[in-house]
Amino acid sequence: MIPIRCFTCGKPIAHLWQKYKERIEKGEDAKKVLDELGLTRYCCRAVFVGHVELQQLVSKFKKF
């Protein structure tokens, strides 16, 4: 799950995740997409570039 706000600066970023994900899957350059979405700070960009969706993987395991 993408955080609602950037951990460092507090800028709201969660609403941009779907747009970013769709455009990256189409094959667009990540730098260009981040620039066009208005993510100019390195801290916000790091959240998007470093994010790995694990929810589908974790949901396969049973609870104790």
N, C-alpha and C. Protein backbone atom coordinates (compact mmCIF):
# COMPACT_ATOMS: atom_id res chain seq x y z
N MET A 1 0.83 -1.17 0.00
CA MET A 1 0.00 0.00 0.00
C MET A 1 0.88 1.24 0.00
N ILE A 2 0.58 2.14 -0.88
CA ILE A 2 1.34 3.38 -0.97
C ILE A 2 0.93 4.30 0.18
N PRO A 3 1.87 4.97 0.83
CA PRO A 3 1.50 5.86 1.92
C PRO A 3 0.71 7.07 1.41
N ILE A 4 -0.15 7.61 2.24
CA ILE A 4 -0.96 8.76 1.84
C ILE A 4 -0.09 9.99 1.66
N ARG A 5 0.87 10.17 2.53
CA ARG A 5 1.78 11.31 2.45
C ARG A 5 3.22 10.82 2.40
N CYS A 6 4.07 11.66 1.85
CA CYS A 6 5.51 11.37 1.81
C CYS A 6 6.02 11.31 3.25
N PHE A 7 6.86 10.35 3.54
CA PHE A 7 7.38 10.18 4.89
C PHE A 7 8.21 11.37 5.35
N THR A 8 8.92 12.01 4.43
CA THR A 8 9.86 13.07 4.79
C THR A 8 9.23 14.46 4.79
N CYS A 9 8.60 14.84 3.69
CA CYS A 9 8.11 16.21 3.55
C CYS A 9 6.62 16.37 3.85
N GLY A 10 5.85 15.29 3.85
CA GLY A 10 4.44 15.35 4.17
C GLY A 10 3.52 15.69 3.01
N LYS A 11 4.05 15.75 1.80
CA LYS A 11 3.23 16.07 0.63
C LYS A 11 2.29 14.90 0.33
N PRO A 12 1.00 15.17 0.04
CA PRO A 12 0.08 14.09 -0.33
C PRO A 12 0.49 13.47 -1.67
N ILE A 13 0.68 12.15 -1.69
CA ILE A 13 1.14 11.50 -2.91
C ILE A 13 0.29 10.30 -3.32
N ALA A 14 -0.55 9.79 -2.45
CA ALA A 14 -1.29 8.56 -2.72
C ALA A 14 -2.21 8.68 -3.93
N HIS A 15 -2.78 9.86 -4.16
CA HIS A 15 -3.71 10.05 -5.27
C HIS A 15 -3.01 9.97 -6.63
N LEU A 16 -1.69 10.04 -6.65
CA LEU A 16 -0.93 10.00 -7.90
C LEU A 16 -0.47 8.58 -8.26
N TRP A 17 -0.58 7.65 -7.33
CA TRP A 17 -0.04 6.31 -7.54
C TRP A 17 -0.65 5.59 -8.72
N GLN A 18 -1.99 5.60 -8.86
CA GLN A 18 -2.64 4.89 -9.96
C GLN A 18 -2.21 5.44 -11.31
N LYS A 19 -2.13 6.76 -11.44
CA LYS A 19 -1.70 7.37 -12.70
C LYS A 19 -0.27 6.95 -13.02
N TYR A 20 0.59 6.99 -12.01
CA TYR A 20 1.99 6.60 -12.19
C TYR A 20 2.09 5.14 -12.64
N LYS A 21 1.39 4.28 -11.95
CA LYS A 21 1.45 2.85 -12.23
C LYS A 21 0.96 2.54 -13.64
N GLU A 22 -0.16 3.14 -14.05
CA GLU A 22 -0.70 2.91 -15.38
C GLU A 22 0.27 3.36 -16.47
N ARG A 23 0.86 4.52 -16.28
CA ARG A 23 1.77 5.04 -17.31
C ARG A 23 3.07 4.24 -17.39
N ILE A 24 3.56 3.76 -16.26
CA ILE A 24 4.78 2.94 -16.26
C ILE A 24 4.51 1.61 -16.95
N GLU A 25 3.34 1.03 -16.72
CA GLU A 25 3.00 -0.25 -17.35
C GLU A 25 2.87 -0.11 -18.87
N LYS A 26 2.53 1.08 -19.34
CA LYS A 26 2.45 1.34 -20.78
C LYS A 26 3.83 1.49 -21.40
N GLY A 27 4.85 1.65 -20.57
CA GLY A 27 6.22 1.72 -21.07
C GLY A 27 6.83 3.10 -21.08
N GLU A 28 6.19 4.07 -20.44
CA GLU A 28 6.74 5.42 -20.38
C GLU A 28 7.93 5.48 -19.43
N ASP A 29 8.78 6.47 -19.63
CA ASP A 29 9.96 6.67 -18.80
C ASP A 29 9.54 7.16 -17.42
N ALA A 30 10.08 6.56 -16.37
CA ALA A 30 9.69 6.90 -15.00
C ALA A 30 10.02 8.35 -14.68
N LYS A 31 11.15 8.84 -15.12
CA LYS A 31 11.54 10.23 -14.85
C LYS A 31 10.54 11.21 -15.44
N LYS A 32 10.15 10.96 -16.66
CA LYS A 32 9.20 11.84 -17.34
C LYS A 32 7.84 11.83 -16.63
N VAL A 33 7.38 10.65 -16.24
CA VAL A 33 6.09 10.53 -15.56
C VAL A 33 6.12 11.25 -14.23
N LEU A 34 7.17 11.07 -13.44
CA LEU A 34 7.27 11.73 -12.15
C LEU A 34 7.31 13.24 -12.30
N ASP A 35 8.03 13.74 -13.30
CA ASP A 35 8.08 15.17 -13.55
C ASP A 35 6.70 15.72 -13.91
N GLU A 36 5.97 15.01 -14.76
CA GLU A 36 4.66 15.48 -15.20
C GLU A 36 3.62 15.40 -14.08
N LEU A 37 3.79 14.48 -13.15
CA LEU A 37 2.88 14.38 -12.01
C LEU A 37 3.18 15.41 -10.93
N GLY A 38 4.29 16.11 -11.07
CA GLY A 38 4.64 17.16 -10.11
C GLY A 38 5.45 16.68 -8.93
N LEU A 39 6.02 15.50 -9.03
CA LEU A 39 6.86 14.97 -7.96
C LEU A 39 8.31 15.37 -8.24
N THR A 40 8.70 16.51 -7.68
CA THR A 40 10.03 17.05 -7.96
C THR A 40 11.02 16.78 -6.83
N ARG A 41 10.52 16.59 -5.62
CA ARG A 41 11.41 16.33 -4.49
C ARG A 41 11.92 14.89 -4.52
N TYR A 42 13.16 14.71 -4.16
CA TYR A 42 13.75 13.37 -4.21
C TYR A 42 13.11 12.43 -3.21
N CYS A 43 12.59 12.97 -2.12
CA CYS A 43 11.98 12.10 -1.11
C CYS A 43 10.68 11.49 -1.64
N CYS A 44 9.87 12.29 -2.33
CA CYS A 44 8.61 11.79 -2.90
C CYS A 44 8.89 10.81 -4.03
N ARG A 45 9.89 11.12 -4.84
CA ARG A 45 10.25 10.24 -5.96
C ARG A 45 10.73 8.89 -5.45
N ALA A 46 11.47 8.90 -4.35
CA ALA A 46 11.99 7.66 -3.79
C ALA A 46 10.87 6.75 -3.31
N VAL A 47 9.79 7.34 -2.78
CA VAL A 47 8.65 6.53 -2.33
C VAL A 47 8.05 5.80 -3.53
N PHE A 48 7.91 6.48 -4.66
CA PHE A 48 7.30 5.88 -5.84
C PHE A 48 8.22 4.85 -6.49
N VAL A 49 9.48 5.20 -6.65
CA VAL A 49 10.42 4.31 -7.34
C VAL A 49 10.72 3.07 -6.50
N GLY A 50 10.77 3.23 -5.19
CA GLY A 50 11.13 2.12 -4.31
C GLY A 50 9.96 1.29 -3.83
N HIS A 51 8.75 1.64 -4.21
CA HIS A 51 7.57 0.93 -3.71
C HIS A 51 7.40 -0.43 -4.41
N VAL A 52 7.14 -1.45 -3.61
CA VAL A 52 6.86 -2.79 -4.11
C VAL A 52 5.53 -3.23 -3.52
N GLU A 53 4.60 -3.62 -4.39
CA GLU A 53 3.29 -4.04 -3.89
C GLU A 53 3.37 -5.49 -3.42
N LEU A 54 3.18 -5.68 -2.14
CA LEU A 54 3.27 -7.01 -1.54
C LEU A 54 1.92 -7.54 -1.07
N GLN A 55 0.88 -6.75 -1.20
CA GLN A 55 -0.42 -7.14 -0.67
C GLN A 55 -0.92 -8.45 -1.28
N GLN A 56 -0.77 -8.63 -2.59
CA GLN A 56 -1.22 -9.86 -3.24
C GLN A 56 -0.40 -11.06 -2.75
N LEU A 57 0.89 -10.88 -2.58
CA LEU A 57 1.75 -11.96 -2.11
C LEU A 57 1.42 -12.35 -0.67
N VAL A 58 1.25 -11.38 0.19
CA VAL A 58 0.99 -11.64 1.60
C VAL A 58 -0.39 -12.27 1.79
N SER A 59 -1.35 -11.91 0.97
CA SER A 59 -2.71 -12.44 1.14
C SER A 59 -2.79 -13.94 0.86
N LYS A 60 -1.78 -14.53 0.27
CA LYS A 60 -1.78 -15.97 -0.02
C LYS A 60 -1.51 -16.80 1.25
N PHE A 61 -0.91 -16.20 2.27
CA PHE A 61 -0.55 -16.93 3.47
C PHE A 61 -1.70 -16.93 4.47
N LYS A 62 -1.80 -18.00 5.23
CA LYS A 62 -2.84 -18.12 6.24
C LYS A 62 -2.44 -17.40 7.51
N LYS A 63 -3.45 -16.95 8.24
CA LYS A 63 -3.19 -16.36 9.55
C LYS A 63 -3.05 -17.47 10.57
N PHE A 64 -2.36 -17.20 11.66
CA PHE A 64 -2.18 -18.20 12.71
C PHE A 64 -3.40 -18.34 13.54
